Amino acid sequence: MAAIPEFYEVVSGKGGVKLRRKRKACPRCGAGVFLAEHADRYSCGKCGYTEFRKK
């Protein structure tokens, strides 16, 4: 339960309370696996997918 504030944000509005993901999801692994944020890239620790940031 300690990782929930790190990966999700609670947003309340007219429709009720919703969770918003703070990090990008891995396109290969699916919505449950997040990409790690590095200075110049995003990377998946599960499958090794890497996405470089644009300058």
PDB file of N, CA and C in Angstrom:
ATOM      1  N   MET A   1       0.816  -1.201   0.000  1.00  0.00           N
ATOM      2  CA  MET A   1       0.000   0.000   0.000  1.00  0.00           C
ATOM      3  C   MET A   1       0.857   1.261   0.000  1.00  0.00           C
ATOM      4  N   ALA A   2       2.119   1.163   0.307  1.00  0.00           N
ATOM      5  CA  ALA A   2       2.969   2.343   0.380  1.00  0.00           C
ATOM      6  C   ALA A   2       3.261   2.930  -0.993  1.00  0.00           C
ATOM      7  N   ALA A   3       3.173   2.141  -2.056  1.00  0.00           N
ATOM      8  CA  ALA A   3       3.505   2.622  -3.389  1.00  0.00           C
ATOM      9  C   ALA A   3       2.340   3.339  -4.069  1.00  0.00           C
ATOM     10  N   ILE A   4       1.156   3.262  -3.520  1.00  0.00           N
ATOM     11  CA  ILE A   4      -0.008   3.864  -4.168  1.00  0.00           C
ATOM     12  C   ILE A   4       0.148   5.371  -4.369  1.00  0.00           C
ATOM     13  N   PRO A   5       0.576   6.173  -3.386  1.00  0.00           N
ATOM     14  CA  PRO A   5       0.737   7.608  -3.634  1.00  0.00           C
ATOM     15  C   PRO A   5       1.838   7.919  -4.648  1.00  0.00           C
ATOM     16  N   GLU A   6       2.776   7.009  -4.822  1.00  0.00           N
ATOM     17  CA  GLU A   6       3.868   7.227  -5.763  1.00  0.00           C
ATOM     18  C   GLU A   6       3.415   7.055  -7.212  1.00  0.00           C
ATOM     19  N   PHE A   7       2.477   6.165  -7.466  1.00  0.00           N
ATOM     20  CA  PHE A   7       2.063   5.844  -8.822  1.00  0.00           C
ATOM     21  C   PHE A   7       0.694   6.392  -9.208  1.00  0.00           C
ATOM     22  N   TYR A   8      -0.143   6.723  -8.241  1.00  0.00           N
ATOM     23  CA  TYR A   8      -1.502   7.184  -8.515  1.00  0.00           C
ATOM     24  C   TYR A   8      -1.804   8.486  -7.784  1.00  0.00           C
ATOM     25  N   GLU A   9      -2.726   9.268  -8.357  1.00  0.00           N
ATOM     26  CA  GLU A   9      -3.195  10.504  -7.744  1.00  0.00           C
ATOM     27  C   GLU A   9      -4.717  10.416  -7.629  1.00  0.00           C
ATOM     28  N   VAL A  10      -5.263  10.785  -6.495  1.00  0.00           N
ATOM     29  CA  VAL A  10      -6.705  10.765  -6.278  1.00  0.00           C
ATOM     30  C   VAL A  10      -7.278  12.095  -6.750  1.00  0.00           C
ATOM     31  N   VAL A  11      -8.231  12.026  -7.675  1.00  0.00           N
ATOM     32  CA  VAL A  11      -8.853  13.217  -8.247  1.00  0.00           C
ATOM     33  C   VAL A  11     -10.342  13.150  -7.956  1.00  0.00           C
ATOM     34  N   SER A  12     -10.879  14.198  -7.355  1.00  0.00           N
ATOM     35  CA  SER A  12     -12.317  14.237  -7.087  1.00  0.00           C
ATOM     36  C   SER A  12     -12.956  15.299  -7.972  1.00  0.00           C
ATOM     37  N   GLY A  13     -14.122  14.976  -8.468  1.00  0.00           N
ATOM     38  CA  GLY A  13     -14.845  15.886  -9.342  1.00  0.00           C
ATOM     39  C   GLY A  13     -16.333  15.639  -9.229  1.00  0.00           C
ATOM     40  N   LYS A  14     -17.066  16.074 -10.242  1.00  0.00           N
ATOM     41  CA  LYS A  14     -18.519  15.915 -10.233  1.00  0.00           C
ATOM     42  C   LYS A  14     -18.936  14.449 -10.309  1.00  0.00           C
ATOM     43  N   GLY A  15     -18.161  13.636 -11.013  1.00  0.00           N
ATOM     44  CA  GLY A  15     -18.500  12.230 -11.183  1.00  0.00           C
ATOM     45  C   GLY A  15     -18.083  11.357 -10.020  1.00  0.00           C
ATOM     46  N   GLY A  16     -17.444  11.934  -9.014  1.00  0.00           N
ATOM     47  CA  GLY A  16     -16.984  11.155  -7.870  1.00  0.00           C
ATOM     48  C   GLY A  16     -15.469  11.159  -7.783  1.00  0.00           C
ATOM     49  N   VAL A  17     -14.941  10.191  -7.088  1.00  0.00           N
ATOM     50  CA  VAL A  17     -13.497  10.097  -6.881  1.00  0.00           C
ATOM     51  C   VAL A  17     -12.907   9.130  -7.906  1.00  0.00           C
ATOM     52  N   LYS A  18     -11.798   9.544  -8.547  1.00  0.00           N
ATOM     53  CA  LYS A  18     -11.136   8.710  -9.543  1.00  0.00           C
ATOM     54  C   LYS A  18      -9.642   8.660  -9.250  1.00  0.00           C
ATOM     55  N   LEU A  19      -8.983   7.627  -9.749  1.00  0.00           N
ATOM     56  CA  LEU A  19      -7.535   7.513  -9.649  1.00  0.00           C
ATOM     57  C   LEU A  19      -6.919   7.871 -10.994  1.00  0.00           C
ATOM     58  N   ARG A  20      -5.837   8.652 -10.961  1.00  0.00           N
ATOM     59  CA  ARG A  20      -5.119   9.017 -12.175  1.00  0.00           C
ATOM     60  C   ARG A  20      -3.706   8.472 -12.072  1.00  0.00           C
ATOM     61  N   ARG A  21      -3.219   7.835 -13.120  1.00  0.00           N
ATOM     62  CA  ARG A  21      -1.857   7.305 -13.125  1.00  0.00           C
ATOM     63  C   ARG A  21      -0.866   8.446 -13.297  1.00  0.00           C
ATOM     64  N   LYS A  22       0.187   8.471 -12.480  1.00  0.00           N
ATOM     65  CA  LYS A  22       1.205   9.513 -12.561  1.00  0.00           C
ATOM     66  C   LYS A  22       2.295   9.187 -13.577  1.00  0.00           C
ATOM     67  N   ARG A  23       2.495   7.913 -13.865  1.00  0.00           N
ATOM     68  CA  ARG A  23       3.565   7.495 -14.771  1.00  0.00           C
ATOM     69  C   ARG A  23       2.994   6.816 -16.002  1.00  0.00           C
ATOM     70  N   LYS A  24       3.826   6.761 -17.052  1.00  0.00           N
ATOM     71  CA  LYS A  24       3.421   6.122 -18.294  1.00  0.00           C
ATOM     72  C   LYS A  24       3.411   4.606 -18.125  1.00  0.00           C
ATOM     73  N   ALA A  25       2.495   3.954 -18.808  1.00  0.00           N
ATOM     74  CA  ALA A  25       2.421   2.491 -18.786  1.00  0.00           C
ATOM     75  C   ALA A  25       3.243   1.928 -19.944  1.00  0.00           C
ATOM     76  N   CYS A  26       3.765   0.738 -19.762  1.00  0.00           N
ATOM     77  CA  CYS A  26       4.547   0.074 -20.802  1.00  0.00           C
ATOM     78  C   CYS A  26       3.606  -0.378 -21.922  1.00  0.00           C
ATOM     79  N   PRO A  27       3.895  -0.019 -23.186  1.00  0.00           N
ATOM     80  CA  PRO A  27       3.020  -0.443 -24.278  1.00  0.00           C
ATOM     81  C   PRO A  27       3.088  -1.939 -24.565  1.00  0.00           C
ATOM     82  N   ARG A  28       4.177  -2.599 -24.204  1.00  0.00           N
ATOM     83  CA  ARG A  28       4.305  -4.045 -24.417  1.00  0.00           C
ATOM     84  C   ARG A  28       3.639  -4.844 -23.304  1.00  0.00           C
ATOM     85  N   CYS A  29       3.885  -4.458 -22.055  1.00  0.00           N
ATOM     86  CA  CYS A  29       3.419  -5.240 -20.900  1.00  0.00           C
ATOM     87  C   CYS A  29       1.974  -4.947 -20.529  1.00  0.00           C
ATOM     88  N   GLY A  30       1.509  -3.738 -20.764  1.00  0.00           N
ATOM     89  CA  GLY A  30       0.133  -3.399 -20.444  1.00  0.00           C
ATOM     90  C   GLY A  30       0.014  -2.365 -19.346  1.00  0.00           C
ATOM     91  N   ALA A  31      -1.206  -2.121 -18.922  1.00  0.00           N
ATOM     92  CA  ALA A  31      -1.513  -1.023 -18.013  1.00  0.00           C
ATOM     93  C   ALA A  31      -1.001  -1.230 -16.592  1.00  0.00           C
ATOM     94  N   GLY A  32      -0.673  -2.428 -16.192  1.00  0.00           N
ATOM     95  CA  GLY A  32      -0.233  -2.679 -14.822  1.00  0.00           C
ATOM     96  C   GLY A  32       1.247  -2.487 -14.586  1.00  0.00           C
ATOM     97  N   VAL A  33       2.023  -2.251 -15.652  1.00  0.00           N
ATOM     98  CA  VAL A  33       3.476  -2.104 -15.535  1.00  0.00           C
ATOM     99  C   VAL A  33       3.852  -0.690 -15.946  1.00  0.00           C
ATOM    100  N   PHE A  34       4.538   0.028 -15.054  1.00  0.00           N
ATOM    101  CA  PHE A  34       4.903   1.413 -15.311  1.00  0.00           C
ATOM    102  C   PHE A  34       6.330   1.526 -15.818  1.00  0.00           C
ATOM    103  N   LEU A  35       6.605   2.587 -16.587  1.00  0.00           N
ATOM    104  CA  LEU A  35       7.945   2.860 -17.087  1.00  0.00           C
ATOM    105  C   LEU A  35       8.709   3.688 -16.063  1.00  0.00           C
ATOM    106  N   ALA A  36       9.970   3.328 -15.843  1.00  0.00           N
ATOM    107  CA  ALA A  36      10.829   4.091 -14.945  1.00  0.00           C
ATOM    108  C   ALA A  36      11.254   5.376 -15.651  1.00  0.00           C
ATOM    109  N   GLU A  37      11.343   6.473 -14.906  1.00  0.00           N
ATOM    110  CA  GLU A  37      11.719   7.758 -15.479  1.00  0.00           C
ATOM    111  C   GLU A  37      13.194   8.026 -15.216  1.00  0.00           C
ATOM    112  N   HIS A  38      13.977   8.097 -16.303  1.00  0.00           N
ATOM    113  CA  HIS A  38      15.387   8.465 -16.231  1.00  0.00           C
ATOM    114  C   HIS A  38      15.536   9.865 -16.813  1.00  0.00           C
ATOM    115  N   ALA A  39      16.733  10.431 -16.747  1.00  0.00           N
ATOM    116  CA  ALA A  39      16.963  11.792 -17.233  1.00  0.00           C
ATOM    117  C   ALA A  39      16.718  11.915 -18.735  1.00  0.00           C
ATOM    118  N   ASP A  40      17.080  10.907 -19.509  1.00  0.00           N
ATOM    119  CA  ASP A  40      16.971  10.994 -20.961  1.00  0.00           C
ATOM    120  C   ASP A  40      16.046   9.954 -21.595  1.00  0.00           C
ATOM    121  N   ARG A  41      15.413   9.108 -20.779  1.00  0.00           N
ATOM    122  CA  ARG A  41      14.597   8.036 -21.338  1.00  0.00           C
ATOM    123  C   ARG A  41      13.595   7.500 -20.320  1.00  0.00           C
ATOM    124  N   TYR A  42      12.628   6.727 -20.829  1.00  0.00           N
ATOM    125  CA  TYR A  42      11.718   5.930 -20.013  1.00  0.00           C
ATOM    126  C   TYR A  42      12.074   4.475 -20.282  1.00  0.00           C
ATOM    127  N   SER A  43      12.070   3.622 -19.265  1.00  0.00           N
ATOM    128  CA  SER A  43      12.404   2.219 -19.491  1.00  0.00           C
ATOM    129  C   SER A  43      11.534   1.310 -18.625  1.00  0.00           C
ATOM    130  N   CYS A  44      11.281   0.120 -19.178  1.00  0.00           N
ATOM    131  CA  CYS A  44      10.507  -0.901 -18.483  1.00  0.00           C
ATOM    132  C   CYS A  44      11.469  -1.910 -17.882  1.00  0.00           C
ATOM    133  N   GLY A  45      11.342  -2.185 -16.607  1.00  0.00           N
ATOM    134  CA  GLY A  45      12.199  -3.148 -15.944  1.00  0.00           C
ATOM    135  C   GLY A  45      11.783  -4.581 -16.187  1.00  0.00           C
ATOM    136  N   LYS A  46      10.570  -4.780 -16.673  1.00  0.00           N
ATOM    137  CA  LYS A  46      10.073  -6.140 -16.894  1.00  0.00           C
ATOM    138  C   LYS A  46      10.500  -6.686 -18.259  1.00  0.00           C
ATOM    139  N   CYS A  47      10.281  -5.918 -19.322  1.00  0.00           N
ATOM    140  CA  CYS A  47      10.562  -6.420 -20.673  1.00  0.00           C
ATOM    141  C   CYS A  47      11.751  -5.740 -21.346  1.00  0.00           C
ATOM    142  N   GLY A  48      12.245  -4.631 -20.786  1.00  0.00           N
ATOM    143  CA  GLY A  48      13.391  -3.941 -21.360  1.00  0.00           C
ATOM    144  C   GLY A  48      13.043  -2.882 -22.387  1.00  0.00           C
ATOM    145  N   TYR A  49      11.768  -2.595 -22.581  1.00  0.00           N
ATOM    146  CA  TYR A  49      11.350  -1.552 -23.528  1.00  0.00           C
ATOM    147  C   TYR A  49      11.946  -0.214 -23.111  1.00  0.00           C
ATOM    148  N   THR A  50      12.489   0.549 -24.078  1.00  0.00           N
ATOM    149  CA  THR A  50      13.074   1.860 -23.802  1.00  0.00           C
ATOM    150  C   THR A  50      12.496   2.874 -24.767  1.00  0.00           C
ATOM    151  N   GLU A  51      12.131   4.022 -24.246  1.00  0.00           N
ATOM    152  CA  GLU A  51      11.595   5.124 -25.042  1.00  0.00           C
ATOM    153  C   GLU A  51      12.408   6.363 -24.684  1.00  0.00           C
ATOM    154  N   PHE A  52      13.095   6.951 -25.677  1.00  0.00           N
ATOM    155  CA  PHE A  52      13.939   8.107 -25.415  1.00  0.00           C
ATOM    156  C   PHE A  52      13.111   9.384 -25.429  1.00  0.00           C
ATOM    157  N   ARG A  53      13.473  10.313 -24.551  1.00  0.00           N
ATOM    158  CA  ARG A  53      12.787  11.607 -24.489  1.00  0.00           C
ATOM    159  C   ARG A  53      13.268  12.490 -25.627  1.00  0.00           C
ATOM    160  N   LYS A  54      12.384  13.315 -26.131  1.00  0.00           N
ATOM    161  CA  LYS A  54      12.741  14.258 -27.194  1.00  0.00           C
ATOM    162  C   LYS A  54      13.322  15.511 -26.567  1.00  0.00           C
ATOM    163  N   LYS A  55      14.350  16.029 -27.196  1.00  0.00           N
ATOM    164  CA  LYS A  55      15.001  17.238 -26.666  1.00  0.00           C
ATOM    165  C   LYS A  55      14.349  18.490 -27.174  1.00  0.00           C
TER     166      LYS A  55
END
